[in-house]
Protein backbone atom coordinates (compact mmCIF):
# COMPACT_ATOMS: atom_id res chain seq x y z
CA UNK A 1 8.45 -21.93 5.19
CA UNK A 2 6.73 -18.62 4.49
CA UNK A 3 7.09 -14.97 5.39
CA UNK A 4 4.17 -12.57 5.67
CA UNK A 5 5.74 -9.26 4.67
CA UNK A 6 4.28 -5.84 5.47
CA UNK A 7 5.55 -2.29 5.06
CA UNK A 8 4.84 0.73 7.26
CA UNK A 9 5.98 4.22 8.17
CA UNK A 10 8.01 4.54 11.36
CA UNK A 11 5.74 5.77 14.13
CA UNK A 12 2.60 4.35 12.53
CA UNK A 13 3.31 0.73 13.50
CA UNK A 14 5.10 -0.50 16.62
CA UNK A 15 4.32 -4.21 16.69
CA UNK A 16 6.77 -6.95 17.65
CA UNK A 17 7.63 -7.65 14.00
CA UNK A 18 8.56 -4.01 13.22
CA UNK A 19 11.99 -3.76 11.58
CA UNK A 20 13.67 -0.40 10.91
CA UNK A 21 15.56 -0.36 7.59
CA UNK A 22 16.57 3.30 7.55
CA UNK A 23 20.05 4.74 7.27
CA UNK A 24 19.26 7.05 10.20
CA UNK A 25 18.23 4.51 12.82
CA UNK A 26 17.91 1.05 11.33
CA UNK A 27 19.77 -2.00 10.08
CA UNK A 28 22.37 -0.75 7.61
CA UNK A 29 22.34 -4.11 5.81
CA UNK A 30 19.03 -3.03 4.26
CA UNK A 31 19.25 0.77 4.30
CA UNK A 32 20.17 3.11 1.47
CA UNK A 33 23.23 5.27 2.00
CA UNK A 34 22.97 8.93 3.03
CA UNK A 35 24.40 9.84 -0.39
CA UNK A 36 21.57 8.07 -2.22
CA UNK A 37 18.88 9.50 0.07
CA UNK A 38 20.20 13.07 -0.14
CA UNK A 39 20.65 12.91 -3.93
CA UNK A 40 17.03 11.77 -4.31
CA UNK A 41 15.68 14.43 -1.95
CA UNK A 42 17.70 17.15 -3.68
CA UNK A 43 16.43 16.09 -7.11
CA UNK A 44 19.94 15.22 -8.28
CA UNK A 45 18.88 11.71 -9.32
CA UNK A 46 15.62 10.34 -10.65
CA UNK A 47 13.76 7.33 -9.28
CA UNK A 48 15.28 4.95 -11.83
CA UNK A 49 18.78 5.95 -10.75
CA UNK A 50 17.81 5.68 -7.07
CA UNK A 51 16.42 2.19 -7.72
CA UNK A 52 19.54 1.10 -9.60
CA UNK A 53 21.90 2.38 -6.87
CA UNK A 54 19.83 0.84 -4.08
CA UNK A 55 19.68 -2.47 -5.96
CA UNK A 56 23.48 -2.52 -6.34
CA UNK A 57 23.82 -1.70 -2.65
CA UNK A 58 21.49 -4.56 -1.69
CA UNK A 59 23.27 -7.04 -3.98
CA UNK A 60 26.54 -6.17 -2.24
CA UNK A 61 24.84 -6.40 1.14
CA UNK A 62 23.58 -9.88 0.31
CA UNK A 63 27.03 -11.00 -0.84
CA UNK A 64 28.61 -9.68 2.39
CA UNK A 65 25.96 -10.82 4.83
CA UNK A 66 23.69 -13.59 3.56
CA UNK A 67 22.92 -14.56 7.16
CA UNK A 68 21.14 -11.26 7.84
CA UNK A 69 19.01 -11.72 4.73
CA UNK A 70 18.11 -15.29 5.66
CA UNK A 71 17.20 -14.17 9.19
CA UNK A 72 14.67 -11.72 7.75
CA UNK A 73 13.16 -14.39 5.53
CA UNK A 74 12.82 -16.77 8.48
CA UNK A 75 10.90 -14.38 10.75
CA UNK A 76 7.43 -15.63 9.76
CA UNK A 77 5.96 -12.10 9.98
CA UNK A 78 7.94 -8.97 9.21
CA UNK A 79 7.02 -5.30 8.86
CA UNK A 80 9.78 -3.23 7.27
CA UNK A 81 9.77 0.39 8.37
CA UNK A 82 11.15 3.67 7.10
CA UNK A 83 10.27 7.36 7.39
CA UNK A 84 8.52 7.81 4.02
CA UNK A 85 4.77 8.34 4.04
CA UNK A 86 2.69 5.48 2.67
CA UNK A 87 1.26 7.76 0.00
CA UNK A 88 4.69 8.68 -1.38
CA UNK A 89 3.67 7.18 -4.72
CA UNK A 90 5.74 4.03 -4.05
CA UNK A 91 8.96 6.08 -4.20
CA UNK A 92 10.35 4.49 -1.08
CA UNK A 93 13.10 1.94 -0.57
CA UNK A 94 10.91 -0.23 1.68
CA UNK A 95 8.85 -1.20 -1.39
CA UNK A 96 12.05 -1.98 -3.31
CA UNK A 97 13.32 -4.07 -0.40
CA UNK A 98 10.00 -5.94 -0.27
CA UNK A 99 10.43 -6.86 -3.95
CA UNK A 100 14.02 -8.00 -3.33
CA UNK A 101 12.89 -10.20 -0.42
CA UNK A 102 10.18 -11.78 -2.58
CA UNK A 103 12.71 -12.60 -5.31
CA UNK A 104 15.26 -13.93 -2.85
CA UNK A 105 12.58 -16.01 -1.15
CA UNK A 106 11.70 -17.58 -4.51
CA UNK A 107 15.36 -18.38 -5.05
CA UNK A 108 15.94 -20.08 -1.69
CA UNK A 109 12.55 -21.69 -1.15
CA UNK A 110 10.76 -19.25 1.18
CA UNK A 111 7.28 -18.20 0.12
CA UNK A 112 7.12 -14.46 0.73
CA UNK A 113 3.56 -13.16 0.83
CA UNK A 114 3.51 -9.42 0.27
CA UNK A 115 0.69 -8.22 2.52
CA UNK A 116 1.29 -4.58 1.54
CA UNK A 117 1.15 -1.55 3.79
CA UNK A 118 0.11 -2.19 7.40
CA UNK A 119 -3.31 -0.68 8.06
CA UNK A 120 -3.37 2.12 10.60
CA UNK A 121 -4.43 0.97 14.06
CA UNK A 122 -8.01 1.48 15.07
CA UNK A 123 -8.41 4.15 17.75
CA UNK A 124 -10.83 3.87 20.61
CA UNK A 125 -13.00 6.91 21.25
CA UNK A 126 -15.67 7.48 23.84
CA UNK A 127 -19.08 8.27 22.46
CA UNK A 128 -21.46 10.10 24.76
CA UNK A 129 -25.08 9.05 24.51
CA UNK A 130 -27.86 10.44 26.67
CA UNK A 131 -26.70 9.13 30.03
CA UNK A 132 -23.61 7.02 29.47
CA UNK A 133 -20.21 6.93 27.82
CA UNK A 134 -19.65 4.00 25.50
CA UNK A 135 -16.31 3.06 23.93
CA UNK A 136 -16.52 2.92 20.16
CA UNK A 137 -13.85 1.76 17.79
CA UNK A 138 -13.44 4.16 14.91
CA UNK A 139 -10.66 3.96 12.35
CA UNK A 140 -9.76 6.33 9.53
CA UNK A 141 -11.46 4.08 7.00
CA UNK A 142 -14.68 3.84 9.01
CA UNK A 143 -17.61 6.18 8.90
CA UNK A 144 -20.22 6.55 11.62
CA UNK A 145 -22.99 7.22 9.10
């Protein structure tokens, strides 16, 4: 059994495997607490302390609800979502959670393949040429020239 694991910002990806892990709107089994989030945002704790507190929270979550953790690992494809931007210098709990899922997968025999951040969807734009409109797929990583 294997899990293809992605991460993404809420609102940037809405596929069927999207899974909200935020304290505001998601599954609290995998979310940080408001106290941890607010302390980080206010600069009251550093990233190491945030990581340590979130890790302790997730260890307790696993002890209380192993079924929820196993369900995630059995999904086949999973994209964990939160509100942090992808360029937040990896200071986001979704990256910590991805690491925890990889380690847990190793422990229970599920190969977790970390696919990284979901690429932004390609947008379709109409390009006008002399007489006709043609659809053209252009993404943020593509250049017309």
